């Protein structure tokens, strides 16, 4: 009688860590979140700084989606953050918008305004998943398992 090999089955279905199913899920999450991810006009004319960050810093198949910019957390939270001493978000210099170095900003009760709102805005991952993203990602995973 042939023994069932669970690890071989997992691998055959693409369910292992970094396997084809995880890769499909990771890409699907990026695709689902893109229309909800805020535009950042300081990153260039197309405003896709956060979107590019996720593409550049996410290792497809790792199971971790990463938006890595100095401002990603602030933009995700959707609140204006200010210097605790000056109570200003920043200041203009001839090199552009700046903040004091090595200062942890604190949140205010003021909401950020987003280009492309209301779809693009704070908590884009949560909102994308609530607006049908969970089903899309699950469907993607099911299709990837069947291949």
N, C-alpha and C. Protein backbone atom coordinates (compact mmCIF):
# COMPACT_ATOMS: atom_id res chain seq x y z
N UNK A 1 0.84 -1.17 0.00
CA UNK A 1 0.00 0.00 0.00
C UNK A 1 0.90 1.24 0.00
N UNK A 2 0.55 2.21 -0.85
CA UNK A 2 1.32 3.44 -0.98
C UNK A 2 0.99 4.38 0.18
N UNK A 3 2.05 4.98 0.76
CA UNK A 3 1.88 5.94 1.86
C UNK A 3 1.59 7.32 1.31
N UNK A 4 0.74 8.03 2.02
CA UNK A 4 0.44 9.42 1.65
C UNK A 4 1.59 10.30 2.11
N UNK A 5 2.12 11.09 1.20
CA UNK A 5 3.22 12.00 1.50
C UNK A 5 2.65 13.42 1.52
N UNK A 6 2.37 13.93 2.72
CA UNK A 6 1.75 15.25 2.87
C UNK A 6 2.61 16.35 2.26
N UNK A 7 3.91 16.30 2.50
CA UNK A 7 4.80 17.35 1.97
C UNK A 7 4.82 17.35 0.44
N UNK A 8 4.82 16.17 -0.15
CA UNK A 8 4.79 16.09 -1.61
C UNK A 8 3.48 16.64 -2.15
N UNK A 9 2.39 16.35 -1.45
CA UNK A 9 1.07 16.86 -1.85
C UNK A 9 1.04 18.38 -1.77
N UNK A 10 1.55 18.92 -0.68
CA UNK A 10 1.59 20.38 -0.50
C UNK A 10 2.39 21.02 -1.63
N UNK A 11 3.53 20.43 -1.94
CA UNK A 11 4.38 20.98 -3.00
C UNK A 11 3.70 20.86 -4.36
N UNK A 12 3.09 19.72 -4.63
CA UNK A 12 2.42 19.49 -5.91
C UNK A 12 1.29 20.50 -6.13
N UNK A 13 0.61 20.89 -5.07
CA UNK A 13 -0.48 21.87 -5.17
C UNK A 13 0.02 23.32 -5.13
N UNK A 14 1.31 23.50 -4.92
CA UNK A 14 1.87 24.85 -4.87
C UNK A 14 1.61 25.56 -3.56
N UNK A 15 1.37 24.79 -2.49
CA UNK A 15 1.01 25.37 -1.19
C UNK A 15 2.20 25.58 -0.26
N UNK A 16 3.40 25.20 -0.67
CA UNK A 16 4.56 25.37 0.20
C UNK A 16 4.90 26.86 0.32
N UNK A 17 5.67 27.20 1.36
CA UNK A 17 6.11 28.58 1.53
C UNK A 17 6.82 29.04 0.26
N UNK A 18 6.40 30.17 -0.27
CA UNK A 18 7.01 30.70 -1.48
C UNK A 18 6.57 29.99 -2.75
N UNK A 19 5.58 29.12 -2.63
CA UNK A 19 5.12 28.36 -3.78
C UNK A 19 4.23 29.17 -4.71
N UNK A 20 3.73 28.51 -5.73
CA UNK A 20 2.96 29.20 -6.76
C UNK A 20 1.68 29.83 -6.22
N UNK A 21 1.05 29.21 -5.23
CA UNK A 21 -0.17 29.78 -4.66
C UNK A 21 0.16 31.04 -3.88
N UNK A 22 1.20 31.00 -3.07
CA UNK A 22 1.59 32.20 -2.31
C UNK A 22 1.97 33.33 -3.26
N UNK A 23 2.66 33.01 -4.33
CA UNK A 23 3.03 34.04 -5.31
C UNK A 23 1.79 34.66 -5.94
N UNK A 24 0.81 33.82 -6.28
CA UNK A 24 -0.43 34.33 -6.88
C UNK A 24 -1.19 35.20 -5.89
N UNK A 25 -1.23 34.78 -4.63
CA UNK A 25 -1.92 35.56 -3.59
C UNK A 25 -1.24 36.91 -3.39
N UNK A 26 0.08 36.91 -3.28
CA UNK A 26 0.81 38.17 -3.09
C UNK A 26 0.54 39.14 -4.24
N UNK A 27 0.61 38.64 -5.47
CA UNK A 27 0.37 39.51 -6.62
C UNK A 27 -1.07 40.01 -6.63
N UNK A 28 -1.99 39.15 -6.27
CA UNK A 28 -3.40 39.54 -6.23
C UNK A 28 -3.64 40.65 -5.21
N UNK A 29 -3.00 40.55 -4.05
CA UNK A 29 -3.15 41.60 -3.03
C UNK A 29 -2.62 42.93 -3.55
N UNK A 30 -1.46 42.91 -4.19
CA UNK A 30 -0.93 44.14 -4.78
C UNK A 30 -1.91 44.72 -5.80
N UNK A 31 -2.47 43.86 -6.65
CA UNK A 31 -3.41 44.32 -7.68
C UNK A 31 -4.68 44.89 -7.06
N UNK A 32 -5.21 44.22 -6.04
CA UNK A 32 -6.44 44.67 -5.38
C UNK A 32 -6.22 46.00 -4.67
N UNK A 33 -5.06 46.18 -4.06
CA UNK A 33 -4.79 47.39 -3.28
C UNK A 33 -4.42 48.60 -4.13
N UNK A 34 -3.90 48.38 -5.33
CA UNK A 34 -3.40 49.50 -6.14
C UNK A 34 -4.42 50.62 -6.33
N UNK A 35 -5.68 50.34 -6.69
CA UNK A 35 -6.62 51.45 -6.90
C UNK A 35 -6.97 52.21 -5.62
N UNK A 36 -6.63 51.67 -4.48
CA UNK A 36 -6.93 52.30 -3.19
C UNK A 36 -5.71 53.02 -2.60
N UNK A 37 -4.54 52.74 -3.16
CA UNK A 37 -3.29 53.30 -2.63
C UNK A 37 -3.19 54.77 -3.01
N UNK A 38 -2.95 55.65 -2.04
CA UNK A 38 -2.89 57.09 -2.33
C UNK A 38 -1.79 57.45 -3.33
N UNK A 39 -2.09 58.48 -4.09
CA UNK A 39 -1.12 59.05 -5.01
C UNK A 39 -0.21 59.98 -4.22
N UNK A 40 1.03 60.05 -4.64
CA UNK A 40 2.01 60.91 -3.97
C UNK A 40 2.67 61.76 -5.03
N UNK A 41 2.19 62.98 -5.18
CA UNK A 41 2.69 63.83 -6.26
C UNK A 41 4.13 64.26 -6.06
N UNK A 42 4.66 64.15 -4.84
CA UNK A 42 6.07 64.50 -4.62
C UNK A 42 7.00 63.46 -5.21
N UNK A 43 6.46 62.29 -5.57
CA UNK A 43 7.31 61.22 -6.10
C UNK A 43 7.40 61.26 -7.62
N UNK A 44 6.80 62.26 -8.24
CA UNK A 44 6.85 62.36 -9.69
C UNK A 44 5.48 62.69 -10.25
N UNK A 45 5.45 62.98 -11.52
CA UNK A 45 4.22 63.44 -12.15
C UNK A 45 3.10 62.42 -12.08
N UNK A 46 3.44 61.12 -12.10
CA UNK A 46 2.39 60.11 -12.07
C UNK A 46 1.86 59.86 -10.66
N UNK A 47 2.57 60.31 -9.64
CA UNK A 47 2.10 60.18 -8.27
C UNK A 47 2.11 58.78 -7.71
N UNK A 48 2.82 57.86 -8.34
CA UNK A 48 2.77 56.46 -7.93
C UNK A 48 3.84 56.02 -6.96
N UNK A 49 4.32 56.88 -6.10
CA UNK A 49 5.40 56.54 -5.18
C UNK A 49 5.09 55.37 -4.27
N UNK A 50 3.92 55.37 -3.65
CA UNK A 50 3.56 54.26 -2.77
C UNK A 50 3.33 52.98 -3.56
N UNK A 51 2.70 53.09 -4.72
CA UNK A 51 2.47 51.90 -5.55
C UNK A 51 3.81 51.30 -5.96
N UNK A 52 4.73 52.14 -6.43
CA UNK A 52 6.07 51.65 -6.82
C UNK A 52 6.80 51.05 -5.63
N UNK A 53 6.63 51.66 -4.46
CA UNK A 53 7.28 51.14 -3.25
C UNK A 53 6.84 49.71 -2.98
N UNK A 54 5.55 49.44 -3.09
CA UNK A 54 5.05 48.08 -2.84
C UNK A 54 5.62 47.11 -3.87
N UNK A 55 5.70 47.53 -5.11
CA UNK A 55 6.24 46.66 -6.16
C UNK A 55 7.72 46.39 -5.91
N UNK A 56 8.46 47.42 -5.54
CA UNK A 56 9.91 47.28 -5.33
C UNK A 56 10.27 46.51 -4.07
N UNK A 57 9.50 46.66 -3.00
CA UNK A 57 9.90 46.11 -1.71
C UNK A 57 9.17 44.82 -1.32
N UNK A 58 8.20 44.41 -2.11
CA UNK A 58 7.52 43.15 -1.85
C UNK A 58 8.23 42.04 -2.60
N UNK A 59 8.58 40.99 -1.89
CA UNK A 59 9.14 39.80 -2.53
C UNK A 59 7.95 38.87 -2.79
N UNK A 60 7.57 38.77 -4.05
CA UNK A 60 6.41 37.95 -4.41
C UNK A 60 6.68 36.51 -4.00
N UNK A 61 5.78 35.97 -3.18
CA UNK A 61 5.93 34.62 -2.66
C UNK A 61 6.33 34.59 -1.20
N UNK A 62 6.65 35.77 -0.64
CA UNK A 62 7.08 35.83 0.77
C UNK A 62 5.90 35.85 1.73
N UNK A 63 4.72 36.22 1.23
CA UNK A 63 3.57 36.35 2.11
C UNK A 63 3.52 37.67 2.85
N UNK A 64 4.39 38.60 2.48
CA UNK A 64 4.43 39.90 3.13
C UNK A 64 4.43 40.99 2.06
N UNK A 65 3.43 41.88 2.13
CA UNK A 65 3.34 43.00 1.21
C UNK A 65 3.91 44.21 1.94
N UNK A 66 4.84 44.93 1.29
CA UNK A 66 5.57 46.00 1.98
C UNK A 66 5.46 47.31 1.21
N UNK A 67 4.98 48.34 1.89
CA UNK A 67 5.03 49.71 1.39
C UNK A 67 6.11 50.39 2.21
N UNK A 68 7.28 50.62 1.62
CA UNK A 68 8.40 51.15 2.38
C UNK A 68 8.80 52.53 1.83
N UNK A 69 8.22 53.54 2.44
CA UNK A 69 8.63 54.92 2.18
C UNK A 69 8.68 55.60 3.54
N UNK A 70 9.37 56.72 3.65
CA UNK A 70 9.43 57.40 4.95
C UNK A 70 8.07 57.87 5.44
N UNK A 71 7.11 57.98 4.55
CA UNK A 71 5.81 58.55 4.90
C UNK A 71 4.67 57.54 4.84
N UNK A 72 4.93 56.28 4.52
CA UNK A 72 3.86 55.30 4.31
C UNK A 72 2.96 55.16 5.54
N UNK A 73 3.54 55.10 6.73
CA UNK A 73 2.74 54.94 7.95
C UNK A 73 1.79 56.13 8.13
N UNK A 74 2.32 57.33 7.96
CA UNK A 74 1.49 58.52 8.15
C UNK A 74 0.34 58.55 7.16
N UNK A 75 0.65 58.24 5.91
CA UNK A 75 -0.37 58.25 4.87
C UNK A 75 -1.41 57.16 5.15
N UNK A 76 -0.95 55.99 5.61
CA UNK A 76 -1.88 54.90 5.91
C UNK A 76 -2.83 55.29 7.04
N UNK A 77 -2.32 55.93 8.06
CA UNK A 77 -3.16 56.31 9.20
C UNK A 77 -4.14 57.42 8.84
N UNK A 78 -3.78 58.27 7.88
CA UNK A 78 -4.71 59.28 7.40
C UNK A 78 -4.82 60.53 8.25
N UNK A 79 -3.90 60.70 9.15
CA UNK A 79 -3.91 61.88 10.03
C UNK A 79 -2.68 62.73 9.76
N UNK A 80 -2.83 64.03 9.94
CA UNK A 80 -1.69 64.93 9.86
C UNK A 80 -0.84 64.70 11.10
N UNK A 81 0.44 64.45 10.91
CA UNK A 81 1.39 64.29 12.01
C UNK A 81 2.23 65.56 12.10
N UNK A 82 2.52 65.99 13.32
CA UNK A 82 3.27 67.24 13.51
C UNK A 82 4.44 67.04 14.46
N UNK A 83 5.37 67.94 14.36
CA UNK A 83 6.51 68.02 15.28
C UNK A 83 5.95 68.37 16.66
N UNK A 84 6.31 67.63 17.72
CA UNK A 84 5.75 67.91 19.04
C UNK A 84 6.18 69.25 19.63
N UNK A 85 7.25 69.83 19.13
CA UNK A 85 7.72 71.13 19.62
C UNK A 85 7.10 72.27 18.82
N UNK A 86 7.23 72.19 17.49
CA UNK A 86 6.77 73.29 16.63
C UNK A 86 5.28 73.20 16.29
N UNK A 87 4.69 72.03 16.46
CA UNK A 87 3.29 71.76 16.10
C UNK A 87 3.04 72.02 14.62
N UNK A 88 4.08 71.87 13.81
CA UNK A 88 3.97 72.02 12.36
C UNK A 88 4.31 70.69 11.70
N UNK A 89 3.66 70.43 10.57
CA UNK A 89 3.94 69.19 9.84
C UNK A 89 5.33 69.24 9.21
N UNK A 90 5.79 70.43 8.88
CA UNK A 90 7.09 70.60 8.26
C UNK A 90 7.27 72.04 7.85
N UNK A 91 8.27 72.27 7.02
CA UNK A 91 8.54 73.63 6.56
C UNK A 91 9.17 73.55 5.17
N UNK A 92 9.02 74.64 4.42
CA UNK A 92 9.57 74.70 3.07
C UNK A 92 11.00 75.22 3.10
N UNK A 93 11.85 74.58 2.31
CA UNK A 93 13.21 75.06 2.08
C UNK A 93 13.38 75.18 0.57
N UNK A 94 14.53 75.64 0.14
CA UNK A 94 14.76 75.71 -1.31
C UNK A 94 14.85 74.31 -1.91
N UNK A 95 15.05 73.28 -1.08
CA UNK A 95 15.08 71.89 -1.55
C UNK A 95 13.73 71.20 -1.45
N UNK A 96 12.71 71.91 -0.99
CA UNK A 96 11.38 71.32 -0.87
C UNK A 96 10.92 71.23 0.56
N UNK A 97 9.88 70.45 0.77
CA UNK A 97 9.24 70.28 2.08
C UNK A 97 10.14 69.44 2.98
N UNK A 98 10.40 69.90 4.18
CA UNK A 98 11.29 69.21 5.12
C UNK A 98 10.71 69.21 6.53
N UNK A 99 11.29 68.37 7.37
CA UNK A 99 10.97 68.31 8.80
C UNK A 99 12.28 68.32 9.57
N UNK A 100 12.19 68.63 10.86
CA UNK A 100 13.40 68.56 11.68
C UNK A 100 13.88 67.11 11.73
N UNK A 101 15.18 66.91 11.66
CA UNK A 101 15.76 65.56 11.67
C UNK A 101 15.61 64.90 13.04
N UNK A 102 15.42 63.57 13.00
CA UNK A 102 15.37 62.73 14.20
C UNK A 102 14.27 63.13 15.18
N UNK A 103 13.17 63.64 14.67
CA UNK A 103 12.04 64.00 15.52
C UNK A 103 10.89 63.07 15.19
N UNK A 104 10.35 62.39 16.19
CA UNK A 104 9.17 61.56 15.99
C UNK A 104 7.94 62.45 16.06
N UNK A 105 7.20 62.46 14.97
CA UNK A 105 6.01 63.30 14.93
C UNK A 105 4.86 62.64 15.69
N UNK A 106 3.89 63.45 16.05
CA UNK A 106 2.72 62.96 16.78
C UNK A 106 1.48 63.22 15.94
N UNK A 107 0.47 62.33 16.03
CA UNK A 107 -0.73 62.52 15.23
C UNK A 107 -1.61 63.64 15.78
N UNK A 108 -2.32 64.28 14.88
CA UNK A 108 -3.32 65.28 15.26
C UNK A 108 -4.70 64.68 14.98
N UNK A 109 -5.73 65.44 15.19
CA UNK A 109 -7.08 64.97 14.84
C UNK A 109 -7.48 65.42 13.43
N UNK A 110 -6.55 66.06 12.71
CA UNK A 110 -6.83 66.53 11.35
C UNK A 110 -6.59 65.41 10.34
N UNK A 111 -7.54 65.23 9.44
CA UNK A 111 -7.43 64.22 8.40
C UNK A 111 -6.59 64.72 7.23
N UNK A 112 -5.86 63.80 6.62
CA UNK A 112 -5.14 64.13 5.39
C UNK A 112 -6.14 64.24 4.25
N UNK A 113 -5.82 65.01 3.24
CA UNK A 113 -6.59 65.09 2.01
C UNK A 113 -5.84 64.28 0.96
N UNK A 114 -6.57 63.45 0.21
CA UNK A 114 -5.93 62.55 -0.75
C UNK A 114 -6.30 62.89 -2.18
N UNK A 115 -5.31 62.84 -3.05
CA UNK A 115 -5.53 62.94 -4.49
C UNK A 115 -6.18 61.63 -4.92
N UNK A 116 -7.29 61.69 -5.63
CA UNK A 116 -7.97 60.47 -6.06
C UNK A 116 -8.94 59.92 -5.04
N UNK A 117 -9.20 60.69 -3.97
CA UNK A 117 -10.17 60.27 -2.96
C UNK A 117 -11.56 60.28 -3.60
N UNK A 118 -12.52 59.54 -3.11
CA UNK A 118 -12.48 58.82 -1.85
C UNK A 118 -11.91 57.41 -1.95
N UNK A 119 -11.73 56.88 -3.17
CA UNK A 119 -11.23 55.51 -3.26
C UNK A 119 -9.80 55.41 -2.73
N UNK A 120 -8.94 56.32 -3.17
CA UNK A 120 -7.56 56.33 -2.69
C UNK A 120 -7.53 57.08 -1.37
N UNK A 121 -6.96 56.46 -0.35
CA UNK A 121 -6.92 57.15 0.94
C UNK A 121 -6.41 56.26 2.06
N UNK A 122 -6.69 56.71 3.27
CA UNK A 122 -6.21 56.04 4.48
C UNK A 122 -6.69 54.59 4.53
N UNK A 123 -5.93 53.77 5.21
CA UNK A 123 -6.28 52.36 5.46
C UNK A 123 -6.64 51.63 4.16
N UNK A 124 -5.83 51.87 3.12
CA UNK A 124 -6.15 51.34 1.80
C UNK A 124 -6.22 49.83 1.76
N UNK A 125 -5.41 49.15 2.55
CA UNK A 125 -5.43 47.68 2.53
C UNK A 125 -6.76 47.18 3.09
N UNK A 126 -7.14 47.68 4.24
CA UNK A 126 -8.39 47.26 4.89
C UNK A 126 -9.58 47.55 3.98
N UNK A 127 -9.63 48.74 3.42
CA UNK A 127 -10.76 49.11 2.58
C UNK A 127 -10.81 48.29 1.29
N UNK A 128 -9.65 48.05 0.70
CA UNK A 128 -9.60 47.24 -0.52
C UNK A 128 -10.12 45.83 -0.25
N UNK A 129 -9.72 45.26 0.87
CA UNK A 129 -10.17 43.91 1.21
C UNK A 129 -11.68 43.89 1.51
N UNK A 130 -12.19 44.92 2.18
CA UNK A 130 -13.62 44.99 2.49
C UNK A 130 -14.48 45.20 1.25
N UNK A 131 -13.92 45.84 0.23
CA UNK A 131 -14.67 46.14 -0.99
C UNK A 131 -14.55 45.04 -2.04
N UNK A 132 -14.43 43.82 -1.62
CA UNK A 132 -14.39 42.69 -2.55
C UNK A 132 -13.02 42.08 -2.73
N UNK A 133 -12.02 42.67 -2.12
CA UNK A 133 -10.66 42.16 -2.27
C UNK A 133 -10.46 40.77 -1.69
N UNK A 134 -11.11 40.49 -0.57
CA UNK A 134 -10.96 39.16 0.04
C UNK A 134 -11.42 38.09 -0.93
N UNK A 135 -12.58 38.30 -1.54
CA UNK A 135 -13.10 37.32 -2.50
C UNK A 135 -12.15 37.19 -3.70
N UNK A 136 -11.65 38.30 -4.19
CA UNK A 136 -10.73 38.27 -5.33
C UNK A 136 -9.48 37.47 -5.00
N UNK A 137 -8.90 37.73 -3.84
CA UNK A 137 -7.68 37.03 -3.43
C UNK A 137 -7.97 35.54 -3.21
N UNK A 138 -9.10 35.23 -2.58
CA UNK A 138 -9.46 33.82 -2.37
C UNK A 138 -9.69 33.11 -3.70
N UNK A 139 -10.37 33.77 -4.64
CA UNK A 139 -10.58 33.18 -5.97
C UNK A 139 -9.25 32.93 -6.67
N UNK A 140 -8.34 33.88 -6.54
CA UNK A 140 -7.00 33.73 -7.13
C UNK A 140 -6.30 32.51 -6.55
N UNK A 141 -6.38 32.36 -5.23
CA UNK A 141 -5.74 31.21 -4.57
C UNK A 141 -6.35 29.90 -5.06
N UNK A 142 -7.68 29.86 -5.16
CA UNK A 142 -8.35 28.63 -5.63
C UNK A 142 -7.89 28.27 -7.04
N UNK A 143 -7.84 29.27 -7.92
CA UNK A 143 -7.41 29.01 -9.30
C UNK A 143 -5.96 28.54 -9.33
N UNK A 144 -5.11 29.13 -8.50
CA UNK A 144 -3.70 28.74 -8.48
C UNK A 144 -3.53 27.31 -7.99
N UNK A 145 -4.36 26.87 -7.05
CA UNK A 145 -4.28 25.49 -6.55
C UNK A 145 -4.69 24.52 -7.65
N UNK A 146 -5.64 24.88 -8.46
CA UNK A 146 -6.15 23.98 -9.50
C UNK A 146 -5.19 23.80 -10.66
N UNK A 147 -4.20 24.69 -10.80
CA UNK A 147 -3.26 24.58 -11.93
C UNK A 147 -2.33 23.41 -11.77
